[in-house]
Amino acid sequence: MLSLPERGAATRLVLVRHAEADEEMRGRCYGSLDVPLSAVGVRQAAGLGEALRDLHLAAVYTSPLRRALDTAHVIAAAQGLQPVARADLRELSFGELEGMAYDDIAARHPETYRLWMEEPATARFPGGESLAELRGRVLPALASIRSDHEGEAVAIVTHGGVVRVALADVLGTAETAFFRLDVAAGGVTVVDWTGAVPVVRVVNAALYSPP
């Protein structure tokens, strides 16, 4: 179970990165690819549902990609809810690089790879998105959810890039520090909002580690 301070009248966003994705994608770049959960990820999602059961969520929102949607279904079911899919919560699109091994990207697209690792704010993927475009759809989506659920707690099941964007915005972190925020598969981050003022309660909590 996730133990948190009393919420009071705050609006609580429980940001969950989807459980572990298919092992075949390990070491590969996947953003918009519709990758399923691994066997470990299925067990991890079940553990997340149990760990978050006592949060009394008003809603569960999710990216429409399977790895997030399947994780969200388990969390929502434990609350007696159905997850609500939103396209603006999907992961960054890597365009032509989707499905490629990171080593191959570094060898075949060295400048794009360097920018993404060292200066992510300036990188734009061929046929895909930039970090600015990701921010441009994610932050309004989160603001809309907060507005719709003022004074309530909701879960948002999404992706590493989306959680990093949300945390960087709340903390006022420079985009150059994007990868200093660790967001593991199944990691849980909690932000309480009192009016326009956010307070980060938890970052990347590992609530369930399958054997």
N, C-alpha and C. Protein backbone atom coordinates (compact mmCIF):
# COMPACT_ATOMS: atom_id res chain seq x y z
N MET A 1 0.84 -1.20 0.00
CA MET A 1 0.00 0.00 0.00
C MET A 1 0.88 1.25 0.00
N LEU A 2 0.46 2.27 -0.72
CA LEU A 2 1.18 3.54 -0.75
C LEU A 2 0.70 4.42 0.41
N SER A 3 1.62 4.77 1.31
CA SER A 3 1.26 5.61 2.46
C SER A 3 1.61 7.06 2.14
N LEU A 4 0.59 7.93 2.24
CA LEU A 4 0.76 9.34 1.89
C LEU A 4 0.20 10.23 2.99
N PRO A 5 0.65 11.49 3.07
CA PRO A 5 0.01 12.44 3.97
C PRO A 5 -1.46 12.63 3.58
N GLU A 6 -2.27 13.03 4.53
CA GLU A 6 -3.67 13.31 4.23
C GLU A 6 -3.76 14.34 3.11
N ARG A 7 -4.68 14.13 2.20
CA ARG A 7 -4.83 15.00 1.04
C ARG A 7 -5.54 16.30 1.38
N GLY A 8 -6.44 16.26 2.36
CA GLY A 8 -7.23 17.45 2.66
C GLY A 8 -8.05 17.86 1.46
N ALA A 9 -8.00 19.14 1.12
CA ALA A 9 -8.77 19.65 -0.01
C ALA A 9 -7.94 19.72 -1.29
N ALA A 10 -6.73 19.18 -1.25
CA ALA A 10 -5.84 19.25 -2.41
C ALA A 10 -6.35 18.36 -3.54
N THR A 11 -5.94 18.70 -4.75
CA THR A 11 -6.16 17.84 -5.91
C THR A 11 -4.93 16.97 -6.07
N ARG A 12 -5.11 15.66 -6.04
CA ARG A 12 -3.96 14.73 -6.06
C ARG A 12 -3.87 14.03 -7.41
N LEU A 13 -2.71 14.16 -8.06
CA LEU A 13 -2.42 13.43 -9.29
C LEU A 13 -1.44 12.31 -8.97
N VAL A 14 -1.87 11.08 -9.22
CA VAL A 14 -1.03 9.91 -9.02
C VAL A 14 -0.55 9.48 -10.40
N LEU A 15 0.69 9.81 -10.72
CA LEU A 15 1.25 9.54 -12.05
C LEU A 15 1.95 8.18 -12.02
N VAL A 16 1.48 7.27 -12.86
CA VAL A 16 2.01 5.91 -12.87
C VAL A 16 2.60 5.62 -14.24
N ARG A 17 3.88 5.27 -14.26
CA ARG A 17 4.42 4.76 -15.52
C ARG A 17 3.93 3.32 -15.69
N HIS A 18 3.54 2.97 -16.89
CA HIS A 18 3.04 1.63 -17.17
C HIS A 18 4.00 0.56 -16.65
N ALA A 19 3.47 -0.64 -16.39
CA ALA A 19 4.29 -1.76 -15.96
C ALA A 19 5.24 -2.19 -17.09
N GLU A 20 6.12 -3.12 -16.77
CA GLU A 20 7.18 -3.51 -17.71
C GLU A 20 6.62 -3.98 -19.05
N ALA A 21 7.20 -3.45 -20.13
CA ALA A 21 6.77 -3.80 -21.48
C ALA A 21 7.44 -5.08 -21.97
N ASP A 22 6.94 -5.59 -23.07
CA ASP A 22 7.43 -6.82 -23.69
C ASP A 22 8.96 -6.85 -23.74
N GLU A 23 9.52 -7.97 -23.29
CA GLU A 23 10.98 -8.09 -23.21
C GLU A 23 11.66 -7.94 -24.56
N GLU A 24 10.95 -8.21 -25.65
CA GLU A 24 11.55 -8.08 -26.98
C GLU A 24 11.94 -6.64 -27.29
N MET A 25 11.37 -5.67 -26.56
CA MET A 25 11.68 -4.27 -26.81
C MET A 25 12.80 -3.76 -25.93
N ARG A 26 13.35 -4.60 -25.09
CA ARG A 26 14.44 -4.15 -24.22
C ARG A 26 15.64 -3.73 -25.07
N GLY A 27 16.17 -2.54 -24.79
CA GLY A 27 17.29 -2.02 -25.56
C GLY A 27 16.87 -1.37 -26.86
N ARG A 28 15.57 -1.25 -27.07
CA ARG A 28 15.06 -0.65 -28.29
C ARG A 28 14.25 0.62 -27.98
N CYS A 29 14.10 1.44 -28.98
CA CYS A 29 13.38 2.70 -28.85
C CYS A 29 11.91 2.46 -29.21
N TYR A 30 11.02 2.71 -28.27
CA TYR A 30 9.60 2.58 -28.58
C TYR A 30 8.83 3.66 -27.84
N GLY A 31 8.11 4.44 -28.61
CA GLY A 31 7.29 5.50 -28.05
C GLY A 31 5.86 5.29 -28.49
N SER A 32 5.61 5.47 -29.80
CA SER A 32 4.27 5.31 -30.34
C SER A 32 3.95 3.87 -30.70
N LEU A 33 4.95 2.98 -30.69
CA LEU A 33 4.68 1.57 -30.96
C LEU A 33 3.74 1.01 -29.89
N ASP A 34 2.78 0.20 -30.30
CA ASP A 34 1.78 -0.32 -29.36
C ASP A 34 2.27 -1.65 -28.78
N VAL A 35 3.15 -1.55 -27.82
CA VAL A 35 3.83 -2.70 -27.23
C VAL A 35 3.02 -3.23 -26.05
N PRO A 36 2.83 -4.56 -25.95
CA PRO A 36 2.10 -5.12 -24.81
C PRO A 36 3.00 -5.23 -23.57
N LEU A 37 2.40 -5.60 -22.46
CA LEU A 37 3.17 -5.87 -21.25
C LEU A 37 3.87 -7.22 -21.36
N SER A 38 4.99 -7.34 -20.65
CA SER A 38 5.65 -8.63 -20.50
C SER A 38 4.89 -9.45 -19.46
N ALA A 39 5.29 -10.71 -19.27
CA ALA A 39 4.69 -11.53 -18.22
C ALA A 39 4.96 -10.92 -16.85
N VAL A 40 6.17 -10.39 -16.67
CA VAL A 40 6.50 -9.70 -15.42
C VAL A 40 5.63 -8.46 -15.27
N GLY A 41 5.43 -7.74 -16.37
CA GLY A 41 4.62 -6.53 -16.34
C GLY A 41 3.18 -6.81 -15.93
N VAL A 42 2.63 -7.94 -16.36
CA VAL A 42 1.26 -8.30 -15.97
C VAL A 42 1.18 -8.47 -14.46
N ARG A 43 2.18 -9.13 -13.88
CA ARG A 43 2.20 -9.32 -12.42
C ARG A 43 2.43 -7.98 -11.71
N GLN A 44 3.27 -7.17 -12.31
CA GLN A 44 3.56 -5.85 -11.73
C GLN A 44 2.31 -4.98 -11.72
N ALA A 45 1.52 -5.02 -12.79
CA ALA A 45 0.29 -4.25 -12.85
C ALA A 45 -0.68 -4.71 -11.75
N ALA A 46 -0.76 -6.02 -11.54
CA ALA A 46 -1.63 -6.53 -10.48
C ALA A 46 -1.18 -6.01 -9.12
N GLY A 47 0.13 -5.97 -8.89
CA GLY A 47 0.65 -5.44 -7.64
C GLY A 47 0.36 -3.97 -7.47
N LEU A 48 0.40 -3.21 -8.57
CA LEU A 48 0.08 -1.79 -8.50
C LEU A 48 -1.39 -1.58 -8.13
N GLY A 49 -2.26 -2.38 -8.72
CA GLY A 49 -3.67 -2.26 -8.39
C GLY A 49 -3.92 -2.47 -6.91
N GLU A 50 -3.25 -3.45 -6.34
CA GLU A 50 -3.41 -3.72 -4.90
C GLU A 50 -2.79 -2.61 -4.06
N ALA A 51 -1.61 -2.13 -4.46
CA ALA A 51 -0.90 -1.11 -3.68
C ALA A 51 -1.64 0.23 -3.65
N LEU A 52 -2.40 0.52 -4.72
CA LEU A 52 -3.11 1.80 -4.82
C LEU A 52 -4.58 1.69 -4.42
N ARG A 53 -5.00 0.51 -4.00
CA ARG A 53 -6.42 0.25 -3.74
C ARG A 53 -7.04 1.23 -2.75
N ASP A 54 -6.29 1.63 -1.73
CA ASP A 54 -6.85 2.44 -0.65
C ASP A 54 -6.80 3.95 -0.91
N LEU A 55 -6.43 4.37 -2.13
CA LEU A 55 -6.33 5.81 -2.40
C LEU A 55 -7.67 6.45 -2.73
N HIS A 56 -8.70 5.65 -2.95
CA HIS A 56 -10.05 6.19 -3.23
C HIS A 56 -10.01 7.18 -4.39
N LEU A 57 -9.66 6.67 -5.54
CA LEU A 57 -9.52 7.50 -6.73
C LEU A 57 -10.88 7.83 -7.33
N ALA A 58 -11.02 9.07 -7.80
CA ALA A 58 -12.25 9.49 -8.47
C ALA A 58 -12.26 9.06 -9.93
N ALA A 59 -11.08 8.87 -10.52
CA ALA A 59 -10.99 8.48 -11.93
C ALA A 59 -9.60 7.94 -12.20
N VAL A 60 -9.50 7.16 -13.27
CA VAL A 60 -8.21 6.68 -13.76
C VAL A 60 -8.13 7.03 -15.25
N TYR A 61 -7.16 7.87 -15.59
CA TYR A 61 -6.91 8.25 -16.97
C TYR A 61 -5.69 7.49 -17.49
N THR A 62 -5.65 7.29 -18.79
CA THR A 62 -4.55 6.50 -19.34
C THR A 62 -4.23 6.90 -20.77
N SER A 63 -2.99 6.67 -21.13
CA SER A 63 -2.60 6.68 -22.53
C SER A 63 -3.34 5.54 -23.22
N PRO A 64 -3.66 5.69 -24.52
CA PRO A 64 -4.37 4.61 -25.22
C PRO A 64 -3.46 3.46 -25.65
N LEU A 65 -2.15 3.59 -25.47
CA LEU A 65 -1.24 2.51 -25.86
C LEU A 65 -1.39 1.33 -24.92
N ARG A 66 -1.29 0.11 -25.46
CA ARG A 66 -1.65 -1.10 -24.71
C ARG A 66 -0.93 -1.25 -23.39
N ARG A 67 0.37 -0.94 -23.37
CA ARG A 67 1.12 -1.15 -22.13
C ARG A 67 0.60 -0.28 -20.99
N ALA A 68 0.11 0.91 -21.34
CA ALA A 68 -0.50 1.78 -20.33
C ALA A 68 -1.94 1.37 -20.06
N LEU A 69 -2.69 1.09 -21.11
CA LEU A 69 -4.10 0.76 -20.96
C LEU A 69 -4.28 -0.51 -20.14
N ASP A 70 -3.44 -1.52 -20.39
CA ASP A 70 -3.56 -2.77 -19.63
C ASP A 70 -3.21 -2.56 -18.16
N THR A 71 -2.23 -1.70 -17.89
CA THR A 71 -1.89 -1.37 -16.50
C THR A 71 -3.05 -0.61 -15.85
N ALA A 72 -3.63 0.34 -16.59
CA ALA A 72 -4.71 1.17 -16.06
C ALA A 72 -5.95 0.35 -15.75
N HIS A 73 -6.25 -0.66 -16.58
CA HIS A 73 -7.43 -1.48 -16.33
C HIS A 73 -7.37 -2.15 -14.97
N VAL A 74 -6.19 -2.63 -14.59
CA VAL A 74 -6.03 -3.31 -13.30
C VAL A 74 -6.20 -2.32 -12.15
N ILE A 75 -5.56 -1.15 -12.27
CA ILE A 75 -5.67 -0.13 -11.22
C ILE A 75 -7.11 0.34 -11.09
N ALA A 76 -7.78 0.56 -12.22
CA ALA A 76 -9.16 1.04 -12.20
C ALA A 76 -10.10 -0.02 -11.62
N ALA A 77 -9.90 -1.30 -11.98
CA ALA A 77 -10.78 -2.36 -11.51
C ALA A 77 -10.77 -2.45 -9.99
N ALA A 78 -9.59 -2.22 -9.39
CA ALA A 78 -9.49 -2.26 -7.93
C ALA A 78 -10.28 -1.14 -7.26
N GLN A 79 -10.62 -0.10 -8.04
CA GLN A 79 -11.37 1.04 -7.54
C GLN A 79 -12.84 1.00 -7.98
N GLY A 80 -13.21 -0.05 -8.73
CA GLY A 80 -14.56 -0.11 -9.27
C GLY A 80 -14.79 0.89 -10.39
N LEU A 81 -13.72 1.21 -11.13
CA LEU A 81 -13.78 2.22 -12.19
C LEU A 81 -13.42 1.62 -13.54
N GLN A 82 -13.70 2.35 -14.60
CA GLN A 82 -13.22 2.06 -15.94
C GLN A 82 -12.22 3.15 -16.33
N PRO A 83 -11.06 2.78 -16.87
CA PRO A 83 -10.10 3.81 -17.26
C PRO A 83 -10.59 4.63 -18.45
N VAL A 84 -10.18 5.89 -18.47
CA VAL A 84 -10.53 6.80 -19.55
C VAL A 84 -9.27 7.07 -20.38
N ALA A 85 -9.27 6.66 -21.64
CA ALA A 85 -8.10 6.84 -22.49
C ALA A 85 -8.08 8.23 -23.10
N ARG A 86 -6.89 8.85 -23.08
CA ARG A 86 -6.70 10.17 -23.69
C ARG A 86 -5.46 10.11 -24.58
N ALA A 87 -5.63 10.48 -25.83
CA ALA A 87 -4.53 10.42 -26.79
C ALA A 87 -3.39 11.35 -26.41
N ASP A 88 -3.70 12.46 -25.71
CA ASP A 88 -2.66 13.42 -25.37
C ASP A 88 -1.74 12.94 -24.24
N LEU A 89 -2.02 11.76 -23.67
CA LEU A 89 -1.16 11.19 -22.63
C LEU A 89 -0.22 10.13 -23.19
N ARG A 90 -0.20 9.96 -24.52
CA ARG A 90 0.68 8.94 -25.11
C ARG A 90 2.14 9.38 -25.03
N GLU A 91 3.03 8.42 -25.25
CA GLU A 91 4.46 8.70 -25.19
C GLU A 91 4.92 9.51 -26.39
N LEU A 92 6.08 10.14 -26.26
CA LEU A 92 6.73 10.83 -27.37
C LEU A 92 6.87 9.90 -28.56
N SER A 93 6.57 10.41 -29.75
CA SER A 93 6.78 9.63 -30.97
C SER A 93 8.21 9.81 -31.47
N PHE A 94 8.88 8.69 -31.68
CA PHE A 94 10.25 8.72 -32.18
C PHE A 94 10.31 8.56 -33.70
N GLY A 95 9.15 8.59 -34.35
CA GLY A 95 9.11 8.60 -35.80
C GLY A 95 9.83 7.44 -36.45
N GLU A 96 10.76 7.75 -37.33
CA GLU A 96 11.47 6.73 -38.09
C GLU A 96 12.37 5.85 -37.23
N LEU A 97 12.60 6.27 -36.00
CA LEU A 97 13.50 5.50 -35.11
C LEU A 97 12.75 4.48 -34.27
N GLU A 98 11.43 4.46 -34.37
CA GLU A 98 10.64 3.51 -33.58
C GLU A 98 11.07 2.06 -33.87
N GLY A 99 11.31 1.32 -32.80
CA GLY A 99 11.67 -0.09 -32.90
C GLY A 99 13.14 -0.36 -33.10
N MET A 100 13.95 0.68 -33.34
CA MET A 100 15.38 0.48 -33.55
C MET A 100 16.11 0.28 -32.23
N ALA A 101 17.17 -0.51 -32.25
CA ALA A 101 18.02 -0.66 -31.09
C ALA A 101 18.77 0.65 -30.85
N TYR A 102 18.97 1.00 -29.58
CA TYR A 102 19.66 2.25 -29.27
C TYR A 102 21.06 2.29 -29.88
N ASP A 103 21.75 1.17 -29.88
CA ASP A 103 23.10 1.13 -30.46
C ASP A 103 23.05 1.45 -31.96
N ASP A 104 22.01 0.97 -32.63
CA ASP A 104 21.87 1.25 -34.06
C ASP A 104 21.54 2.73 -34.30
N ILE A 105 20.73 3.29 -33.42
CA ILE A 105 20.41 4.72 -33.55
C ILE A 105 21.68 5.55 -33.39
N ALA A 106 22.48 5.20 -32.39
CA ALA A 106 23.73 5.93 -32.14
C ALA A 106 24.67 5.84 -33.34
N ALA A 107 24.67 4.69 -34.02
CA ALA A 107 25.56 4.49 -35.16
C ALA A 107 25.02 5.15 -36.43
N ARG A 108 23.73 5.09 -36.65
CA ARG A 108 23.14 5.54 -37.91
C ARG A 108 22.61 6.97 -37.86
N HIS A 109 22.27 7.45 -36.64
CA HIS A 109 21.78 8.81 -36.47
C HIS A 109 22.53 9.47 -35.30
N PRO A 110 23.86 9.59 -35.42
CA PRO A 110 24.65 10.01 -34.27
C PRO A 110 24.29 11.39 -33.72
N GLU A 111 23.97 12.34 -34.59
CA GLU A 111 23.68 13.69 -34.10
C GLU A 111 22.34 13.73 -33.38
N THR A 112 21.33 13.06 -33.93
CA THR A 112 20.03 13.00 -33.25
C THR A 112 20.17 12.32 -31.90
N TYR A 113 20.92 11.23 -31.87
CA TYR A 113 21.12 10.50 -30.62
C TYR A 113 21.87 11.36 -29.60
N ARG A 114 22.89 12.07 -30.05
CA ARG A 114 23.66 12.92 -29.13
C ARG A 114 22.78 14.02 -28.55
N LEU A 115 21.99 14.66 -29.40
CA LEU A 115 21.13 15.73 -28.92
C LEU A 115 20.11 15.20 -27.90
N TRP A 116 19.54 14.04 -28.18
CA TRP A 116 18.54 13.49 -27.26
C TRP A 116 19.16 13.16 -25.90
N MET A 117 20.37 12.66 -25.90
CA MET A 117 21.04 12.30 -24.64
C MET A 117 21.60 13.53 -23.91
N GLU A 118 22.11 14.50 -24.66
CA GLU A 118 22.82 15.62 -24.04
C GLU A 118 22.02 16.93 -24.02
N GLU A 119 21.22 17.17 -25.04
CA GLU A 119 20.44 18.40 -25.14
C GLU A 119 19.02 18.07 -25.62
N PRO A 120 18.25 17.34 -24.80
CA PRO A 120 16.96 16.83 -25.26
C PRO A 120 15.99 17.91 -25.72
N ALA A 121 16.12 19.11 -25.19
CA ALA A 121 15.20 20.18 -25.58
C ALA A 121 15.37 20.56 -27.05
N THR A 122 16.51 20.26 -27.64
CA THR A 122 16.78 20.65 -29.03
C THR A 122 16.57 19.52 -30.03
N ALA A 123 16.30 18.31 -29.54
CA ALA A 123 16.19 17.14 -30.43
C ALA A 123 14.80 17.04 -31.02
N ARG A 124 14.75 16.73 -32.32
CA ARG A 124 13.47 16.41 -32.95
C ARG A 124 13.69 15.17 -33.80
N PHE A 125 12.83 14.18 -33.61
CA PHE A 125 13.04 12.90 -34.28
C PHE A 125 12.43 12.90 -35.66
N PRO A 126 13.16 12.36 -36.65
CA PRO A 126 12.67 12.38 -38.03
C PRO A 126 11.33 11.66 -38.14
N GLY A 127 10.32 12.40 -38.58
CA GLY A 127 8.98 11.84 -38.69
C GLY A 127 8.26 11.72 -37.36
N GLY A 128 8.88 12.22 -36.27
CA GLY A 128 8.29 12.11 -34.95
C GLY A 128 8.10 13.46 -34.30
N GLU A 129 8.30 13.51 -32.98
CA GLU A 129 8.03 14.72 -32.22
C GLU A 129 9.30 15.27 -31.57
N SER A 130 9.19 16.47 -31.07
CA SER A 130 10.22 17.08 -30.24
C SER A 130 9.72 17.11 -28.79
N LEU A 131 10.62 17.40 -27.87
CA LEU A 131 10.24 17.52 -26.47
C LEU A 131 9.25 18.67 -26.28
N ALA A 132 9.43 19.76 -27.04
CA ALA A 132 8.51 20.89 -26.94
C ALA A 132 7.10 20.47 -27.36
N GLU A 133 7.00 19.65 -28.39
CA GLU A 133 5.68 19.17 -28.82
C GLU A 133 5.06 18.24 -27.79
N LEU A 134 5.88 17.42 -27.16
CA LEU A 134 5.38 16.56 -26.08
C LEU A 134 4.83 17.42 -24.95
N ARG A 135 5.60 18.40 -24.52
CA ARG A 135 5.14 19.32 -23.47
C ARG A 135 3.85 20.02 -23.89
N GLY A 136 3.80 20.41 -25.15
CA GLY A 136 2.67 21.18 -25.65
C GLY A 136 1.34 20.44 -25.58
N ARG A 137 1.37 19.10 -25.59
CA ARG A 137 0.10 18.37 -25.45
C ARG A 137 -0.09 17.80 -24.05
N VAL A 138 1.01 17.47 -23.36
CA VAL A 138 0.88 16.84 -22.03
C VAL A 138 0.45 17.83 -20.96
N LEU A 139 1.09 19.00 -20.90
CA LEU A 139 0.78 19.93 -19.81
C LEU A 139 -0.66 20.44 -19.85
N PRO A 140 -1.20 20.80 -21.03
CA PRO A 140 -2.62 21.16 -21.06
C PRO A 140 -3.54 20.00 -20.66
N ALA A 141 -3.16 18.78 -21.02
CA ALA A 141 -3.97 17.62 -20.64
C ALA A 141 -4.02 17.46 -19.13
N LEU A 142 -2.88 17.60 -18.48
CA LEU A 142 -2.84 17.48 -17.02
C LEU A 142 -3.61 18.61 -16.35
N ALA A 143 -3.49 19.82 -16.89
CA ALA A 143 -4.24 20.95 -16.34
C ALA A 143 -5.74 20.72 -16.48
N SER A 144 -6.17 20.15 -17.59
CA SER A 144 -7.58 19.86 -17.82
C SER A 144 -8.09 18.82 -16.82
N ILE A 145 -7.29 17.80 -16.58
CA ILE A 145 -7.69 16.76 -15.62
C ILE A 145 -7.79 17.34 -14.21
N ARG A 146 -6.83 18.18 -13.84
CA ARG A 146 -6.89 18.83 -12.52
C ARG A 146 -8.16 19.67 -12.39
N SER A 147 -8.48 20.41 -13.42
CA SER A 147 -9.65 21.27 -13.39
C SER A 147 -10.94 20.46 -13.25
N ASP A 148 -10.98 19.31 -13.93
CA ASP A 148 -12.18 18.46 -13.90
C ASP A 148 -12.34 17.73 -12.57
N HIS A 149 -11.25 17.63 -11.80
CA HIS A 149 -11.28 16.83 -10.56
C HIS A 149 -10.74 17.63 -9.38
N GLU A 150 -11.09 18.89 -9.34
CA GLU A 150 -10.61 19.73 -8.24
C GLU A 150 -11.04 19.14 -6.89
N GLY A 151 -10.06 19.00 -5.98
CA GLY A 151 -10.34 18.47 -4.66
C GLY A 151 -10.46 16.96 -4.60
N GLU A 152 -10.12 16.27 -5.70
CA GLU A 152 -10.21 14.81 -5.74
C GLU A 152 -8.83 14.21 -6.04
N ALA A 153 -8.74 12.90 -5.94
CA ALA A 153 -7.53 12.17 -6.31
C ALA A 153 -7.79 11.36 -7.57
N VAL A 154 -6.89 11.45 -8.53
CA VAL A 154 -7.02 10.67 -9.76
C VAL A 154 -5.67 10.04 -10.09
N ALA A 155 -5.73 8.92 -10.79
CA ALA A 155 -4.51 8.28 -11.30
C ALA A 155 -4.39 8.54 -12.79
N ILE A 156 -3.15 8.71 -13.24
CA ILE A 156 -2.86 8.92 -14.66
C ILE A 156 -1.79 7.91 -15.04
N VAL A 157 -2.17 6.91 -15.83
CA VAL A 157 -1.25 5.85 -16.22
C VAL A 157 -0.69 6.20 -17.59
N THR A 158 0.61 6.37 -17.65
CA THR A 158 1.20 6.93 -18.87
C THR A 158 2.62 6.40 -19.06
N HIS A 159 3.53 7.24 -19.53
CA HIS A 159 4.85 6.80 -19.98
C HIS A 159 5.95 7.62 -19.33
N GLY A 160 7.17 7.12 -19.46
CA GLY A 160 8.30 7.80 -18.83
C GLY A 160 8.47 9.23 -19.27
N GLY A 161 8.36 9.48 -20.57
CA GLY A 161 8.52 10.85 -21.06
C GLY A 161 7.46 11.78 -20.53
N VAL A 162 6.24 11.30 -20.44
CA VAL A 162 5.14 12.13 -19.94
C VAL A 162 5.33 12.47 -18.47
N VAL A 163 5.73 11.47 -17.67
CA VAL A 163 5.96 11.72 -16.24
C VAL A 163 7.12 12.70 -16.06
N ARG A 164 8.18 12.56 -16.84
CA ARG A 164 9.31 13.48 -16.74
C ARG A 164 8.89 14.91 -17.08
N VAL A 165 8.10 15.06 -18.12
CA VAL A 165 7.61 16.40 -18.50
C VAL A 165 6.79 17.00 -17.36
N ALA A 166 5.91 16.20 -16.77
CA ALA A 166 5.08 16.70 -15.67
C ALA A 166 5.93 17.11 -14.48
N LEU A 167 6.89 16.27 -14.10
CA LEU A 167 7.74 16.58 -12.95
C LEU A 167 8.64 17.78 -13.22
N ALA A 168 9.21 17.84 -14.42
CA ALA A 168 10.07 18.98 -14.75
C ALA A 168 9.31 20.29 -14.66
N ASP A 169 8.05 20.28 -15.09
CA ASP A 169 7.24 21.48 -15.03
C ASP A 169 6.94 21.86 -13.58
N VAL A 170 6.56 20.90 -12.77
CA VAL A 170 6.22 21.16 -11.36
C VAL A 170 7.44 21.68 -10.60
N LEU A 171 8.60 21.08 -10.87
CA LEU A 171 9.82 21.44 -10.13
C LEU A 171 10.57 22.61 -10.74
N GLY A 172 10.15 23.07 -11.91
CA GLY A 172 10.87 24.15 -12.58
C GLY A 172 12.24 23.71 -13.05
N THR A 173 12.36 22.43 -13.42
CA THR A 173 13.63 21.85 -13.84
C THR A 173 13.90 22.17 -15.31
N ALA A 174 15.11 22.51 -15.62
CA ALA A 174 15.47 22.80 -17.01
C ALA A 174 15.34 21.55 -17.86
N GLU A 175 14.95 21.72 -19.11
CA GLU A 175 14.79 20.58 -20.00
C GLU A 175 16.10 19.85 -20.25
N THR A 176 17.21 20.53 -20.05
CA THR A 176 18.51 19.87 -20.21
C THR A 176 18.72 18.79 -19.15
N ALA A 177 17.95 18.84 -18.06
CA ALA A 177 18.08 17.86 -16.98
C ALA A 177 17.01 16.77 -17.08
N PHE A 178 16.40 16.62 -18.23
CA PHE A 178 15.29 15.69 -18.44
C PHE A 178 15.59 14.29 -17.91
N PHE A 179 16.78 13.78 -18.21
CA PHE A 179 17.12 12.41 -17.85
C PHE A 179 17.67 12.27 -16.44
N ARG A 180 17.70 13.34 -15.67
CA ARG A 180 18.08 13.24 -14.26
C ARG A 180 16.91 12.75 -13.41
N LEU A 181 15.74 12.70 -13.99
CA LEU A 181 14.54 12.21 -13.30
C LEU A 181 14.34 10.75 -13.67
N ASP A 182 14.59 9.86 -12.72
CA ASP A 182 14.43 8.44 -12.97
C ASP A 182 12.95 8.07 -12.91
N VAL A 183 12.46 7.41 -13.95
CA VAL A 183 11.06 6.99 -14.00
C VAL A 183 11.05 5.53 -14.46
N ALA A 184 10.98 4.62 -13.51
CA ALA A 184 11.05 3.19 -13.82
C ALA A 184 9.69 2.65 -14.22
N ALA A 185 9.68 1.52 -14.91
CA ALA A 185 8.42 0.85 -15.23
C ALA A 185 7.69 0.53 -13.93
N GLY A 186 6.43 0.91 -13.86
CA GLY A 186 5.65 0.70 -12.65
C GLY A 186 5.88 1.73 -11.57
N GLY A 187 6.75 2.71 -11.80
CA GLY A 187 7.05 3.73 -10.80
C GLY A 187 5.86 4.66 -10.58
N VAL A 188 5.67 5.07 -9.33
CA VAL A 188 4.54 5.92 -8.96
C VAL A 188 5.04 7.26 -8.44
N THR A 189 4.52 8.34 -8.98
CA THR A 189 4.85 9.71 -8.58
C THR A 189 3.55 10.41 -8.17
N VAL A 190 3.59 11.14 -7.06
CA VAL A 190 2.37 11.78 -6.55
C VAL A 190 2.62 13.27 -6.37
N VAL A 191 1.72 14.08 -6.93
CA VAL A 191 1.78 15.53 -6.78
C VAL A 191 0.42 16.02 -6.28
N ASP A 192 0.43 16.76 -5.18
CA ASP A 192 -0.77 17.40 -4.67
C ASP A 192 -0.79 18.86 -5.08
N TRP A 193 -1.96 19.33 -5.51
CA TRP A 193 -2.13 20.72 -5.93
C TRP A 193 -3.12 21.40 -4.99
N THR A 194 -2.69 22.48 -4.36
CA THR A 194 -3.59 23.35 -3.60
C THR A 194 -3.71 24.65 -4.39
N GLY A 195 -4.81 24.81 -5.09
CA GLY A 195 -4.92 25.91 -6.04
C GLY A 195 -3.88 25.72 -7.13
N ALA A 196 -3.05 26.73 -7.34
CA ALA A 196 -2.02 26.67 -8.38
C ALA A 196 -0.67 26.22 -7.84
N VAL A 197 -0.63 25.81 -6.57
CA VAL A 197 0.64 25.47 -5.93
C VAL A 197 0.79 23.95 -5.82
N PRO A 198 1.82 23.36 -6.50
CA PRO A 198 2.02 21.92 -6.41
C PRO A 198 3.00 21.54 -5.30
N VAL A 199 2.77 20.39 -4.70
CA VAL A 199 3.71 19.80 -3.74
C VAL A 199 3.97 18.36 -4.16
N VAL A 200 5.23 18.03 -4.40
CA VAL A 200 5.59 16.67 -4.80
C VAL A 200 5.69 15.81 -3.55
N ARG A 201 4.88 14.77 -3.48
CA ARG A 201 4.84 13.89 -2.32
C ARG A 201 5.73 12.66 -2.48
N VAL A 202 5.74 12.12 -3.70
CA VAL A 202 6.46 10.87 -3.97
C VAL A 202 7.02 10.95 -5.38
N VAL A 203 8.22 10.42 -5.58
CA VAL A 203 8.79 10.34 -6.93
C VAL A 203 9.27 8.92 -7.19
N ASN A 204 8.74 8.31 -8.24
CA ASN A 204 9.23 7.02 -8.74
C ASN A 204 9.23 5.93 -7.68
N ALA A 205 8.18 5.87 -6.88
CA ALA A 205 8.10 4.83 -5.85
C ALA A 205 7.91 3.47 -6.51
N ALA A 206 8.69 2.49 -6.09
CA ALA A 206 8.56 1.12 -6.56
C ALA A 206 7.68 0.37 -5.58
N LEU A 207 6.40 0.24 -5.90
CA LEU A 207 5.44 -0.34 -4.96
C LEU A 207 5.36 -1.85 -5.07
N TYR A 208 5.79 -2.38 -6.21
CA TYR A 208 5.69 -3.83 -6.39
C TYR A 208 6.81 -4.29 -7.30
N SER A 209 7.60 -5.24 -6.83
CA SER A 209 8.67 -5.83 -7.63
C SER A 209 8.39 -7.32 -7.76
N PRO A 210 7.97 -7.79 -8.94
CA PRO A 210 7.64 -9.20 -9.10
C PRO A 210 8.86 -10.08 -8.83
N PRO A 211 8.66 -11.27 -8.26
CA PRO A 211 9.78 -12.19 -8.02
C PRO A 211 10.38 -12.67 -9.32
